[in-house]
Amino acid sequence: MAIASAPPILDFSAYYGDDEIARAKLVEEVRKCCLYNGFFQIKGHSVPLELQRRVMKCAKRFFDLPVEEKLQIDKNLNTFNRGYELLRSQMLEAGTGPELKEGLYIGEEIPEDHPYYVQKKLNSGPNQWPQTIADKEEFQKTTMEYYHAVYELAKDVLSVIALTLGVDSSFFKPLTDEAVATMRYLHYPAQPKDQDEKLNRGIGAHTDFGCVTLLLQDEVDGLQVLDAPSGQWLDVQPVEGAYVVNLGDLFMRMANDTYKSNIHRVINKSGRERYSIPFFFSGNPDYLCECLPNCRAPGEAAKYAPITVQDMVTGAYKASYGRAEQYKKEMEKKNMASSSITA
């Protein structure tokens, strides 16, 4: 029986080079990871380490602001998920408490006359920027510079994944053209070691909604990936400069469950604050997701009906935030009932 191991670190530089043998090796390594649990790490990619360091400093500067200043750009002030998310706003794992993290949602700058905004496309609208942060212009410039760099890297990752399916590297161009992606600055407060980790997860056990996620971690660990065959939770140790890459539910659906969107979570037991920057690449909202080539046997029917990126990801968002709101309402009822008994 194979020994469970954390997602491997792959050298992505082969994708950009001229060594066909090295590129074929990378493609095969990615294919094996997609078949096993959809997780791997990459180094040797196109995003400069210096830019990664700058953007992580931006994240920490934002979360250092007083909560009342962060709430000036509360994402509940709009309908397209841009802005600040308060602690315990989301609940991805049923049976836990709302999650012990706060975030800032950022995407491409979509003006209010853009067709995506007018048509209420997935997460499409203008960003909300903190007005009281130090070096405000630098904060916005670095954030968007990083956003665009990782956007391009996500397209490169999908090009390699296309090769794993035996199709041309440009296969996903209709999906990646005019794609919607969401970046989040995340902050996990230090979690006391004696807290009930079932109720106080940084992020509960979940799978991602979209096509592919690229995660930049700081030096503090906490990310765990479920090894399904063994049932073990495997720690994903942070590696400076590397990205944790994983497939989302939308891609697994297109792959007819051949490639995996795997369960993962964050439990910050380090006693330190943790920061990370996930980049969720959904795709063109109008792209019709159908069964991919070479993902079913001849004559075998696809497991899933076609669905657009817009419909798939929007439904997943509503479910996760709905769970958090329902939990809060239930807790309020319990508290009110307790108060009436003791009054």
C-alpha atoms as a PDB file:
ATOM      1  CA  MET A   1       0.000   0.000   0.000  1.00  0.00           C
ATOM      2  CA  ALA A   2       1.329   3.446  -0.929  1.00  0.00           C
ATOM      3  CA  ILE A   3       2.474   5.626   1.963  1.00  0.00           C
ATOM      4  CA  ALA A   4       0.463   8.825   2.342  1.00  0.00           C
ATOM      5  CA  SER A   5       2.530  11.935   1.596  1.00  0.00           C
ATOM      6  CA  ALA A   6       1.858  15.648   1.319  1.00  0.00           C
ATOM      7  CA  PRO A   7       1.452  17.214  -2.140  1.00  0.00           C
ATOM      8  CA  PRO A   8       4.811  17.083  -3.968  1.00  0.00           C
ATOM      9  CA  ILE A   9       6.783  20.170  -5.024  1.00  0.00           C
ATOM     10  CA  LEU A  10       7.162  20.243  -8.812  1.00  0.00           C
ATOM     11  CA  ASP A  11       9.604  22.330 -10.850  1.00  0.00           C
ATOM     12  CA  PHE A  12       7.350  24.319 -13.162  1.00  0.00           C
ATOM     13  CA  SER A  13      10.268  25.919 -15.021  1.00  0.00           C
ATOM     14  CA  ALA A  14      10.196  23.013 -17.488  1.00  0.00           C
ATOM     15  CA  TYR A  15       6.991  24.484 -18.928  1.00  0.00           C
ATOM     16  CA  TYR A  16       8.865  27.614 -20.012  1.00  0.00           C
ATOM     17  CA  GLY A  17      12.014  25.870 -21.273  1.00  0.00           C
ATOM     18  CA  ASP A  18      12.996  24.032 -24.443  1.00  0.00           C
ATOM     19  CA  ASP A  19      13.747  20.659 -22.864  1.00  0.00           C
ATOM     20  CA  GLU A  20      10.959  18.424 -24.180  1.00  0.00           C
ATOM     21  CA  ILE A  21      11.922  15.542 -21.872  1.00  0.00           C
ATOM     22  CA  ALA A  22      11.715  17.773 -18.793  1.00  0.00           C
ATOM     23  CA  ARG A  23       8.384  19.156 -19.959  1.00  0.00           C
ATOM     24  CA  ALA A  24       6.970  15.672 -20.537  1.00  0.00           C
ATOM     25  CA  LYS A  25       8.123  14.709 -17.017  1.00  0.00           C
ATOM     26  CA  LEU A  26       6.335  17.745 -15.545  1.00  0.00           C
ATOM     27  CA  VAL A  27       3.136  16.923 -17.458  1.00  0.00           C
ATOM     28  CA  GLU A  28       3.208  13.339 -16.192  1.00  0.00           C
ATOM     29  CA  GLU A  29       3.811  14.470 -12.595  1.00  0.00           C
ATOM     30  CA  VAL A  30       0.877  16.888 -12.784  1.00  0.00           C
ATOM     31  CA  ARG A  31      -1.322  14.185 -14.329  1.00  0.00           C
ATOM     32  CA  LYS A  32      -0.583  11.794 -11.456  1.00  0.00           C
ATOM     33  CA  CYS A  33      -1.399  14.492  -8.890  1.00  0.00           C
ATOM     34  CA  CYS A  34      -4.677  15.353 -10.633  1.00  0.00           C
ATOM     35  CA  LEU A  35      -5.692  11.702 -10.631  1.00  0.00           C
ATOM     36  CA  TYR A  36      -4.731  11.167  -6.981  1.00  0.00           C
ATOM     37  CA  ASN A  37      -6.004  14.214  -5.091  1.00  0.00           C
ATOM     38  CA  GLY A  38      -5.747  17.282  -7.328  1.00  0.00           C
ATOM     39  CA  PHE A  39      -3.042  18.909  -5.173  1.00  0.00           C
ATOM     40  CA  PHE A  40       0.597  19.785  -5.872  1.00  0.00           C
ATOM     41  CA  GLN A  41       3.031  22.615  -5.239  1.00  0.00           C
ATOM     42  CA  ILE A  42       5.037  24.442  -7.893  1.00  0.00           C
ATOM     43  CA  LYS A  43       8.297  26.357  -7.851  1.00  0.00           C
ATOM     44  CA  GLY A  44      10.214  27.759 -10.821  1.00  0.00           C
ATOM     45  CA  HIS A  45       7.117  29.630 -11.993  1.00  0.00           C
ATOM     46  CA  SER A  46       6.691  33.125 -13.466  1.00  0.00           C
ATOM     47  CA  VAL A  47       5.796  35.172 -10.353  1.00  0.00           C
ATOM     48  CA  PRO A  48       8.833  36.942  -8.838  1.00  0.00           C
ATOM     49  CA  LEU A  49       9.660  36.235  -5.189  1.00  0.00           C
ATOM     50  CA  GLU A  50      10.116  39.960  -4.617  1.00  0.00           C
ATOM     51  CA  LEU A  51       6.512  40.592  -5.724  1.00  0.00           C
ATOM     52  CA  GLN A  52       5.259  37.789  -3.461  1.00  0.00           C
ATOM     53  CA  ARG A  53       7.019  39.385  -0.495  1.00  0.00           C
ATOM     54  CA  ARG A  54       5.604  42.820  -1.292  1.00  0.00           C
ATOM     55  CA  VAL A  55       2.043  41.562  -1.596  1.00  0.00           C
ATOM     56  CA  MET A  56       2.255  39.614   1.665  1.00  0.00           C
ATOM     57  CA  LYS A  57       3.312  42.844   3.384  1.00  0.00           C
ATOM     58  CA  CYS A  58       0.236  44.509   1.863  1.00  0.00           C
ATOM     59  CA  ALA A  59      -1.985  41.831   3.379  1.00  0.00           C
ATOM     60  CA  LYS A  60      -0.464  42.289   6.829  1.00  0.00           C
ATOM     61  CA  ARG A  61      -0.774  46.098   6.584  1.00  0.00           C
ATOM     62  CA  PHE A  62      -4.457  45.803   5.788  1.00  0.00           C
ATOM     63  CA  PHE A  63      -5.298  43.474   8.652  1.00  0.00           C
ATOM     64  CA  ASP A  64      -3.401  45.705  11.080  1.00  0.00           C
ATOM     65  CA  LEU A  65      -6.072  48.380  10.540  1.00  0.00           C
ATOM     66  CA  PRO A  66      -8.710  48.834  13.257  1.00  0.00           C
ATOM     67  CA  VAL A  67     -11.808  46.760  12.551  1.00  0.00           C
ATOM     68  CA  GLU A  68     -14.009  49.838  12.195  1.00  0.00           C
ATOM     69  CA  GLU A  69     -11.773  51.076   9.369  1.00  0.00           C
ATOM     70  CA  LYS A  70     -11.849  47.693   7.632  1.00  0.00           C
ATOM     71  CA  LEU A  71     -15.640  47.649   7.911  1.00  0.00           C
ATOM     72  CA  GLN A  72     -15.796  50.865   5.885  1.00  0.00           C
ATOM     73  CA  ILE A  73     -15.292  48.577   2.868  1.00  0.00           C
ATOM     74  CA  ASP A  74     -17.471  45.691   4.111  1.00  0.00           C
ATOM     75  CA  LYS A  75     -18.252  43.360   1.198  1.00  0.00           C
ATOM     76  CA  ASN A  76     -21.883  43.305   2.332  1.00  0.00           C
ATOM     77  CA  LEU A  77     -22.117  46.847   0.959  1.00  0.00           C
ATOM     78  CA  ASN A  78     -22.275  45.335  -2.550  1.00  0.00           C
ATOM     79  CA  THR A  79     -23.644  42.233  -4.231  1.00  0.00           C
ATOM     80  CA  PHE A  80     -20.510  41.075  -6.047  1.00  0.00           C
ATOM     81  CA  ASN A  81     -18.145  39.946  -3.260  1.00  0.00           C
ATOM     82  CA  ARG A  82     -15.621  42.782  -3.209  1.00  0.00           C
ATOM     83  CA  GLY A  83     -14.272  44.149   0.045  1.00  0.00           C
ATOM     84  CA  TYR A  84     -13.725  43.151   3.652  1.00  0.00           C
ATOM     85  CA  GLU A  85     -15.098  39.969   5.208  1.00  0.00           C
ATOM     86  CA  LEU A  86     -15.466  39.974   8.985  1.00  0.00           C
ATOM     87  CA  LEU A  87     -14.367  37.083  11.168  1.00  0.00           C
ATOM     88  CA  ARG A  88     -16.807  34.147  11.218  1.00  0.00           C
ATOM     89  CA  SER A  89     -18.680  35.177   8.070  1.00  0.00           C
ATOM     90  CA  GLN A  90     -18.354  31.895   6.167  1.00  0.00           C
ATOM     91  CA  MET A  91     -18.978  28.264   7.077  1.00  0.00           C
ATOM     92  CA  LEU A  92     -17.708  25.681   4.620  1.00  0.00           C
ATOM     93  CA  GLU A  93     -17.991  22.602   6.843  1.00  0.00           C
ATOM     94  CA  ALA A  94     -21.386  21.702   8.259  1.00  0.00           C
ATOM     95  CA  GLY A  95     -21.273  20.938  11.976  1.00  0.00           C
ATOM     96  CA  THR A  96     -18.455  23.350  12.770  1.00  0.00           C
ATOM     97  CA  GLY A  97     -18.689  26.979  13.822  1.00  0.00           C
ATOM     98  CA  PRO A  98     -18.297  29.864  11.363  1.00  0.00           C
ATOM     99  CA  GLU A  99     -14.666  30.205  10.456  1.00  0.00           C
ATOM    100  CA  LEU A 100     -11.901  31.908  12.399  1.00  0.00           C
ATOM    101  CA  LYS A 101     -10.573  34.039   9.565  1.00  0.00           C
ATOM    102  CA  GLU A 102     -11.051  37.515   8.109  1.00  0.00           C
ATOM    103  CA  GLY A 103     -10.456  38.461   4.498  1.00  0.00           C
ATOM    104  CA  LEU A 104     -10.332  41.035   1.746  1.00  0.00           C
ATOM    105  CA  TYR A 105     -11.880  40.070  -1.604  1.00  0.00           C
ATOM    106  CA  ILE A 106     -10.197  41.543  -4.699  1.00  0.00           C
ATOM    107  CA  GLY A 107     -10.714  41.005  -8.420  1.00  0.00           C
ATOM    108  CA  GLU A 108     -10.205  42.660 -11.774  1.00  0.00           C
ATOM    109  CA  GLU A 109     -11.353  46.278 -11.771  1.00  0.00           C
ATOM    110  CA  ILE A 110     -14.775  46.086 -13.442  1.00  0.00           C
ATOM    111  CA  PRO A 111     -16.365  49.539 -13.962  1.00  0.00           C
ATOM    112  CA  GLU A 112     -20.109  49.947 -13.617  1.00  0.00           C
ATOM    113  CA  ASP A 113     -20.570  50.341 -17.389  1.00  0.00           C
ATOM    114  CA  HIS A 114     -18.806  47.024 -18.125  1.00  0.00           C
ATOM    115  CA  PRO A 115     -21.087  44.271 -19.524  1.00  0.00           C
ATOM    116  CA  TYR A 116     -20.089  41.943 -16.669  1.00  0.00           C
ATOM    117  CA  TYR A 117     -21.283  44.447 -14.083  1.00  0.00           C
ATOM    118  CA  VAL A 118     -24.446  45.343 -15.983  1.00  0.00           C
ATOM    119  CA  GLN A 119     -25.325  41.666 -16.463  1.00  0.00           C
ATOM    120  CA  LYS A 120     -24.445  40.816 -12.826  1.00  0.00           C
ATOM    121  CA  LYS A 121     -21.794  38.306 -13.800  1.00  0.00           C
ATOM    122  CA  LEU A 122     -19.900  36.317 -11.192  1.00  0.00           C
ATOM    123  CA  ASN A 123     -18.066  38.533  -8.640  1.00  0.00           C
ATOM    124  CA  SER A 124     -17.819  41.369 -11.178  1.00  0.00           C
ATOM    125  CA  GLY A 125     -17.606  44.990 -10.092  1.00  0.00           C
ATOM    126  CA  PRO A 126     -15.212  47.671  -8.855  1.00  0.00           C
ATOM    127  CA  ASN A 127     -12.882  46.860  -5.976  1.00  0.00           C
ATOM    128  CA  GLN A 128     -13.369  48.468  -2.592  1.00  0.00           C
ATOM    129  CA  TRP A 129     -10.023  49.858  -1.424  1.00  0.00           C
ATOM    130  CA  PRO A 130      -9.112  50.854   2.153  1.00  0.00           C
ATOM    131  CA  GLN A 131      -8.883  54.622   2.370  1.00  0.00           C
ATOM    132  CA  THR A 132      -6.983  54.860   5.660  1.00  0.00           C
ATOM    133  CA  ILE A 133      -4.140  52.433   4.940  1.00  0.00           C
ATOM    134  CA  ALA A 134      -0.579  53.760   4.778  1.00  0.00           C
ATOM    135  CA  ASP A 135       0.774  54.211   1.213  1.00  0.00           C
ATOM    136  CA  LYS A 136      -2.667  53.708  -0.277  1.00  0.00           C
ATOM    137  CA  GLU A 137      -1.524  54.065  -3.892  1.00  0.00           C
ATOM    138  CA  GLU A 138       1.305  51.564  -3.425  1.00  0.00           C
ATOM    139  CA  PHE A 139      -1.125  49.132  -1.750  1.00  0.00           C
ATOM    140  CA  GLN A 140      -3.467  49.209  -4.751  1.00  0.00           C
ATOM    141  CA  LYS A 141      -0.644  49.078  -7.318  1.00  0.00           C
ATOM    142  CA  THR A 142       1.119  46.116  -5.690  1.00  0.00           C
ATOM    143  CA  THR A 143      -2.159  44.249  -5.170  1.00  0.00           C
ATOM    144  CA  MET A 144      -3.185  44.526  -8.815  1.00  0.00           C
ATOM    145  CA  GLU A 145       0.329  43.842 -10.103  1.00  0.00           C
ATOM    146  CA  TYR A 146       0.288  40.613  -8.146  1.00  0.00           C
ATOM    147  CA  TYR A 147      -3.290  39.784  -9.201  1.00  0.00           C
ATOM    148  CA  HIS A 148      -2.379  40.007 -12.891  1.00  0.00           C
ATOM    149  CA  ALA A 149       0.847  38.001 -12.429  1.00  0.00           C
ATOM    150  CA  VAL A 150      -0.973  35.096 -10.771  1.00  0.00           C
ATOM    151  CA  TYR A 151      -3.811  35.331 -13.309  1.00  0.00           C
ATOM    152  CA  GLU A 152      -1.261  34.619 -16.048  1.00  0.00           C
ATOM    153  CA  LEU A 153       0.293  31.805 -14.013  1.00  0.00           C
ATOM    154  CA  ALA A 154      -3.137  30.204 -13.562  1.00  0.00           C
ATOM    155  CA  LYS A 155      -3.524  30.150 -17.343  1.00  0.00           C
ATOM    156  CA  ASP A 156      -0.107  28.459 -17.627  1.00  0.00           C
ATOM    157  CA  VAL A 157      -1.165  25.836 -15.084  1.00  0.00           C
ATOM    158  CA  LEU A 158      -4.310  25.106 -17.087  1.00  0.00           C
ATOM    159  CA  SER A 159      -2.175  24.788 -20.224  1.00  0.00           C
ATOM    160  CA  VAL A 160      -0.143  22.056 -18.535  1.00  0.00           C
ATOM    161  CA  ILE A 161      -3.307  20.355 -17.294  1.00  0.00           C
ATOM    162  CA  ALA A 162      -4.621  20.387 -20.873  1.00  0.00           C
ATOM    163  CA  LEU A 163      -1.495  18.489 -21.925  1.00  0.00           C
ATOM    164  CA  THR A 164      -2.196  15.883 -19.236  1.00  0.00           C
ATOM    165  CA  LEU A 165      -5.512  15.201 -20.985  1.00  0.00           C
ATOM    166  CA  GLY A 166      -3.831  14.575 -24.328  1.00  0.00           C
ATOM    167  CA  VAL A 167      -5.101  17.790 -25.951  1.00  0.00           C
ATOM    168  CA  ASP A 168      -3.290  20.912 -27.120  1.00  0.00           C
ATOM    169  CA  SER A 169      -2.017  23.335 -24.487  1.00  0.00           C
ATOM    170  CA  SER A 170      -4.389  25.986 -25.877  1.00  0.00           C
ATOM    171  CA  PHE A 171      -7.486  23.823 -25.260  1.00  0.00           C
ATOM    172  CA  PHE A 172      -8.718  25.922 -22.320  1.00  0.00           C
ATOM    173  CA  LYS A 173      -8.366  29.269 -24.101  1.00  0.00           C
ATOM    174  CA  PRO A 174     -12.175  29.728 -24.395  1.00  0.00           C
ATOM    175  CA  LEU A 175     -12.380  29.136 -20.629  1.00  0.00           C
ATOM    176  CA  THR A 176      -9.522  31.495 -19.732  1.00  0.00           C
ATOM    177  CA  ASP A 177     -10.389  34.338 -22.135  1.00  0.00           C
ATOM    178  CA  GLU A 178     -12.160  37.108 -20.169  1.00  0.00           C
ATOM    179  CA  ALA A 179     -12.122  34.833 -17.135  1.00  0.00           C
ATOM    180  CA  VAL A 180     -13.284  35.852 -13.670  1.00  0.00           C
ATOM    181  CA  ALA A 181     -10.878  35.239 -10.804  1.00  0.00           C
ATOM    182  CA  THR A 182     -11.005  36.272  -7.160  1.00  0.00           C
ATOM    183  CA  MET A 183      -8.036  36.898  -4.896  1.00  0.00           C
ATOM    184  CA  ARG A 184      -8.365  36.989  -1.129  1.00  0.00           C
ATOM    185  CA  TYR A 185      -6.087  38.375   1.500  1.00  0.00           C
ATOM    186  CA  LEU A 186      -6.673  36.110   4.507  1.00  0.00           C
ATOM    187  CA  HIS A 187      -5.741  36.485   8.165  1.00  0.00           C
ATOM    188  CA  TYR A 188      -6.094  33.716  10.742  1.00  0.00           C
ATOM    189  CA  PRO A 189      -5.766  34.990  14.326  1.00  0.00           C
ATOM    190  CA  ALA A 190      -3.682  32.923  16.685  1.00  0.00           C
ATOM    191  CA  GLN A 191      -5.924  30.130  17.925  1.00  0.00           C
ATOM    192  CA  PRO A 192      -5.502  29.059  21.576  1.00  0.00           C
ATOM    193  CA  LYS A 193      -4.313  25.473  21.717  1.00  0.00           C
ATOM    194  CA  ASP A 194      -7.046  24.431  24.157  1.00  0.00           C
ATOM    195  CA  GLN A 195      -9.909  25.598  21.950  1.00  0.00           C
ATOM    196  CA  ASP A 196     -12.218  23.015  20.420  1.00  0.00           C
ATOM    197  CA  GLU A 197     -10.780  22.729  16.908  1.00  0.00           C
ATOM    198  CA  LYS A 198     -14.096  21.369  15.624  1.00  0.00           C
ATOM    199  CA  LEU A 199     -15.803  24.675  16.390  1.00  0.00           C
ATOM    200  CA  ASN A 200     -12.850  26.971  15.802  1.00  0.00           C
ATOM    201  CA  ARG A 201     -11.408  26.027  12.456  1.00  0.00           C
ATOM    202  CA  GLY A 202      -9.566  28.625  10.420  1.00  0.00           C
ATOM    203  CA  ILE A 203     -11.364  27.116   7.443  1.00  0.00           C
ATOM    204  CA  GLY A 204     -13.523  24.029   7.762  1.00  0.00           C
ATOM    205  CA  ALA A 205     -13.030  20.949   5.622  1.00  0.00           C
ATOM    206  CA  HIS A 206     -14.152  21.791   2.081  1.00  0.00           C
ATOM    207  CA  THR A 207     -13.409  21.601  -1.604  1.00  0.00           C
ATOM    208  CA  ASP A 208     -12.945  24.714  -3.725  1.00  0.00           C
ATOM    209  CA  PHE A 209     -15.714  25.871  -6.042  1.00  0.00           C
ATOM    210  CA  GLY A 210     -14.048  26.831  -9.318  1.00  0.00           C
ATOM    211  CA  CYS A 211     -11.478  25.469 -11.749  1.00  0.00           C
ATOM    212  CA  VAL A 212      -8.086  25.909 -10.116  1.00  0.00           C
ATOM    213  CA  THR A 213      -6.688  27.605  -6.994  1.00  0.00           C
ATOM    214  CA  LEU A 214      -3.180  28.958  -6.474  1.00  0.00           C
ATOM    215  CA  LEU A 215      -2.302  29.581  -2.823  1.00  0.00           C
ATOM    216  CA  LEU A 216       0.566  31.671  -1.491  1.00  0.00           C
ATOM    217  CA  GLN A 217       1.312  30.896   2.182  1.00  0.00           C
ATOM    218  CA  ASP A 218       3.397  32.786   4.701  1.00  0.00           C
ATOM    219  CA  GLU A 219       5.785  30.860   6.949  1.00  0.00           C
ATOM    220  CA  VAL A 220       3.083  29.714   9.400  1.00  0.00           C
ATOM    221  CA  ASP A 221       1.597  26.286   8.733  1.00  0.00           C
ATOM    222  CA  GLY A 222      -2.002  25.166   9.219  1.00  0.00           C
ATOM    223  CA  LEU A 223      -3.131  23.945   5.794  1.00  0.00           C
ATOM    224  CA  GLN A 224      -4.065  20.266   5.775  1.00  0.00           C
ATOM    225  CA  VAL A 225      -5.084  18.051   2.851  1.00  0.00           C
ATOM    226  CA  LEU A 226      -7.099  14.879   3.333  1.00  0.00           C
ATOM    227  CA  ASP A 227      -5.464  11.730   2.013  1.00  0.00           C
ATOM    228  CA  ALA A 228      -8.618   9.871   1.017  1.00  0.00           C
ATOM    229  CA  PRO A 229      -7.196   6.317   0.776  1.00  0.00           C
ATOM    230  CA  SER A 230      -5.741   6.424   4.305  1.00  0.00           C
ATOM    231  CA  GLY A 231      -8.106   8.938   5.911  1.00  0.00           C
ATOM    232  CA  GLN A 232      -5.102  10.904   7.213  1.00  0.00           C
ATOM    233  CA  TRP A 233      -4.877  14.694   7.316  1.00  0.00           C
ATOM    234  CA  LEU A 234      -1.534  15.702   5.794  1.00  0.00           C
ATOM    235  CA  ASP A 235       0.194  18.977   6.695  1.00  0.00           C
ATOM    236  CA  VAL A 236       1.259  21.132   3.738  1.00  0.00           C
ATOM    237  CA  GLN A 237       4.405  22.823   4.977  1.00  0.00           C
ATOM    238  CA  PRO A 238       4.935  26.353   3.598  1.00  0.00           C
ATOM    239  CA  VAL A 239       7.795  26.673   1.090  1.00  0.00           C
ATOM    240  CA  GLU A 240       8.924  30.218   0.341  1.00  0.00           C
ATOM    241  CA  GLY A 241       8.150  31.180  -3.249  1.00  0.00           C
ATOM    242  CA  ALA A 242       6.068  28.087  -3.987  1.00  0.00           C
ATOM    243  CA  TYR A 243       2.369  27.897  -4.790  1.00  0.00           C
ATOM    244  CA  VAL A 244       0.006  25.226  -3.551  1.00  0.00           C
ATOM    245  CA  VAL A 245      -2.130  24.357  -6.584  1.00  0.00           C
ATOM    246  CA  ASN A 246      -5.386  22.453  -6.414  1.00  0.00           C
ATOM    247  CA  LEU A 247      -8.308  21.679  -8.671  1.00  0.00           C
ATOM    248  CA  GLY A 248     -11.813  22.810  -7.762  1.00  0.00           C
ATOM    249  CA  ASP A 249     -15.246  21.251  -8.040  1.00  0.00           C
ATOM    250  CA  LEU A 250     -15.927  22.799 -11.433  1.00  0.00           C
ATOM    251  CA  PHE A 251     -12.867  21.157 -12.936  1.00  0.00           C
ATOM    252  CA  MET A 252     -13.626  17.793 -11.346  1.00  0.00           C
ATOM    253  CA  ARG A 253     -17.113  17.995 -12.810  1.00  0.00           C
ATOM    254  CA  MET A 254     -15.693  18.689 -16.289  1.00  0.00           C
ATOM    255  CA  ALA A 255     -13.242  15.809 -15.806  1.00  0.00           C
ATOM    256  CA  ASN A 256     -16.151  13.450 -15.069  1.00  0.00           C
ATOM    257  CA  ASP A 257     -14.639  12.847 -11.593  1.00  0.00           C
ATOM    258  CA  THR A 258     -11.457  11.453 -13.169  1.00  0.00           C
ATOM    259  CA  TYR A 259      -9.432  14.352 -11.775  1.00  0.00           C
ATOM    260  CA  LYS A 260     -10.020  15.215  -8.126  1.00  0.00           C
ATOM    261  CA  SER A 261     -11.173  18.265  -6.209  1.00  0.00           C
ATOM    262  CA  ASN A 262      -9.944  17.257  -2.794  1.00  0.00           C
ATOM    263  CA  ILE A 263     -10.966  18.127   0.756  1.00  0.00           C
ATOM    264  CA  HIS A 264      -8.695  20.473   2.708  1.00  0.00           C
ATOM    265  CA  ARG A 265      -8.891  22.706   5.773  1.00  0.00           C
ATOM    266  CA  VAL A 266      -6.908  25.165   7.888  1.00  0.00           C
ATOM    267  CA  ILE A 267      -6.421  24.746  11.633  1.00  0.00           C
ATOM    268  CA  ASN A 268      -4.039  27.365  13.016  1.00  0.00           C
ATOM    269  CA  LYS A 269      -2.610  25.698  16.112  1.00  0.00           C
ATOM    270  CA  SER A 270       0.752  27.462  15.796  1.00  0.00           C
ATOM    271  CA  GLY A 271       0.036  30.079  18.445  1.00  0.00           C
ATOM    272  CA  ARG A 272       0.922  32.703  15.803  1.00  0.00           C
ATOM    273  CA  GLU A 273      -1.055  34.767  13.339  1.00  0.00           C
ATOM    274  CA  ARG A 274      -1.226  33.215   9.868  1.00  0.00           C
ATOM    275  CA  TYR A 275      -1.587  35.002   6.532  1.00  0.00           C
ATOM    276  CA  SER A 276      -2.252  33.528   3.108  1.00  0.00           C
ATOM    277  CA  ILE A 277      -3.343  34.713  -0.334  1.00  0.00           C
ATOM    278  CA  PRO A 278      -5.459  32.263  -2.319  1.00  0.00           C
ATOM    279  CA  PHE A 279      -6.246  33.015  -5.960  1.00  0.00           C
ATOM    280  CA  PHE A 280      -9.442  31.349  -7.182  1.00  0.00           C
ATOM    281  CA  PHE A 281      -9.594  31.049 -10.978  1.00  0.00           C
ATOM    282  CA  SER A 282     -13.182  30.356 -12.035  1.00  0.00           C
ATOM    283  CA  GLY A 283     -13.131  31.059 -15.762  1.00  0.00           C
ATOM    284  CA  ASN A 284     -15.252  32.928 -18.269  1.00  0.00           C
ATOM    285  CA  PRO A 285     -18.688  33.100 -16.591  1.00  0.00           C
ATOM    286  CA  ASP A 286     -20.472  32.168 -19.832  1.00  0.00           C
ATOM    287  CA  TYR A 287     -18.235  29.178 -20.562  1.00  0.00           C
ATOM    288  CA  LEU A 288     -20.298  25.984 -20.779  1.00  0.00           C
ATOM    289  CA  CYS A 289     -18.596  23.280 -18.748  1.00  0.00           C
ATOM    290  CA  GLU A 290     -18.979  19.891 -20.397  1.00  0.00           C
ATOM    291  CA  CYS A 291     -17.190  16.575 -20.095  1.00  0.00           C
ATOM    292  CA  LEU A 292     -13.547  16.958 -21.173  1.00  0.00           C
ATOM    293  CA  PRO A 293     -11.796  14.817 -23.782  1.00  0.00           C
ATOM    294  CA  ASN A 294     -10.380  11.489 -22.592  1.00  0.00           C
ATOM    295  CA  CYS A 295     -12.287  11.608 -19.303  1.00  0.00           C
ATOM    296  CA  ARG A 296     -14.740   8.787 -20.006  1.00  0.00           C
ATOM    297  CA  ALA A 297     -14.628   5.438 -21.719  1.00  0.00           C
ATOM    298  CA  PRO A 298     -16.007   5.076 -25.259  1.00  0.00           C
ATOM    299  CA  GLY A 299     -19.794   4.881 -25.099  1.00  0.00           C
ATOM    300  CA  GLU A 300     -19.858   5.935 -21.439  1.00  0.00           C
ATOM    301  CA  ALA A 301     -22.248   8.773 -20.597  1.00  0.00           C
ATOM    302  CA  ALA A 302     -21.056  11.921 -18.851  1.00  0.00           C
ATOM    303  CA  LYS A 303     -21.945  11.971 -15.142  1.00  0.00           C
ATOM    304  CA  TYR A 304     -23.015  15.608 -15.179  1.00  0.00           C
ATOM    305  CA  ALA A 305     -25.141  17.843 -17.370  1.00  0.00           C
ATOM    306  CA  PRO A 306     -23.486  20.916 -18.885  1.00  0.00           C
ATOM    307  CA  ILE A 307     -23.432  23.989 -16.641  1.00  0.00           C
ATOM    308  CA  THR A 308     -21.965  27.461 -16.971  1.00  0.00           C
ATOM    309  CA  VAL A 309     -19.156  28.728 -14.751  1.00  0.00           C
ATOM    310  CA  GLN A 310     -21.559  31.420 -13.551  1.00  0.00           C
ATOM    311  CA  ASP A 311     -24.216  28.994 -12.328  1.00  0.00           C
ATOM    312  CA  MET A 312     -21.828  26.489 -10.760  1.00  0.00           C
ATOM    313  CA  VAL A 313     -19.765  28.926  -8.681  1.00  0.00           C
ATOM    314  CA  THR A 314     -22.653  31.227  -7.718  1.00  0.00           C
ATOM    315  CA  GLY A 315     -24.576  28.302  -6.263  1.00  0.00           C
ATOM    316  CA  ALA A 316     -21.580  27.194  -4.189  1.00  0.00           C
ATOM    317  CA  TYR A 317     -21.080  30.697  -2.757  1.00  0.00           C
ATOM    318  CA  LYS A 318     -24.710  30.910  -1.657  1.00  0.00           C
ATOM    319  CA  ALA A 319     -24.529  27.552   0.094  1.00  0.00           C
ATOM    320  CA  SER A 320     -21.406  28.313   2.160  1.00  0.00           C
ATOM    321  CA  TYR A 321     -22.516  31.755   3.322  1.00  0.00           C
ATOM    322  CA  GLY A 322     -26.044  30.508   3.913  1.00  0.00           C
ATOM    323  CA  ARG A 323     -24.712  27.913   6.359  1.00  0.00           C
ATOM    324  CA  ALA A 324     -22.948  30.616   8.391  1.00  0.00           C
ATOM    325  CA  GLU A 325     -26.067  32.785   8.568  1.00  0.00           C
ATOM    326  CA  GLN A 326     -28.251  29.840   9.574  1.00  0.00           C
ATOM    327  CA  TYR A 327     -25.784  28.872  12.301  1.00  0.00           C
ATOM    328  CA  LYS A 328     -25.796  32.413  13.714  1.00  0.00           C
ATOM    329  CA  LYS A 329     -29.608  32.497  13.734  1.00  0.00           C
ATOM    330  CA  GLU A 330     -29.762  29.175  15.557  1.00  0.00           C
ATOM    331  CA  MET A 331     -27.239  30.373  18.145  1.00  0.00           C
ATOM    332  CA  GLU A 332     -29.253  33.572  18.674  1.00  0.00           C
ATOM    333  CA  LYS A 333     -32.399  31.491  19.299  1.00  0.00           C
ATOM    334  CA  LYS A 334     -30.552  29.317  21.822  1.00  0.00           C
ATOM    335  CA  ASN A 335     -29.163  32.371  23.601  1.00  0.00           C
ATOM    336  CA  MET A 336     -32.613  33.985  23.740  1.00  0.00           C
ATOM    337  CA  ALA A 337     -34.136  30.781  25.089  1.00  0.00           C
ATOM    338  CA  SER A 338     -31.432  30.541  27.761  1.00  0.00           C
ATOM    339  CA  SER A 339     -31.969  34.173  28.727  1.00  0.00           C
ATOM    340  CA  SER A 340     -35.735  33.690  29.130  1.00  0.00           C
ATOM    341  CA  ILE A 341     -35.199  30.651  31.353  1.00  0.00           C
ATOM    342  CA  THR A 342     -32.749  32.427  33.649  1.00  0.00           C
ATOM    343  CA  ALA A 343     -34.671  35.726  33.727  1.00  0.00           C
END
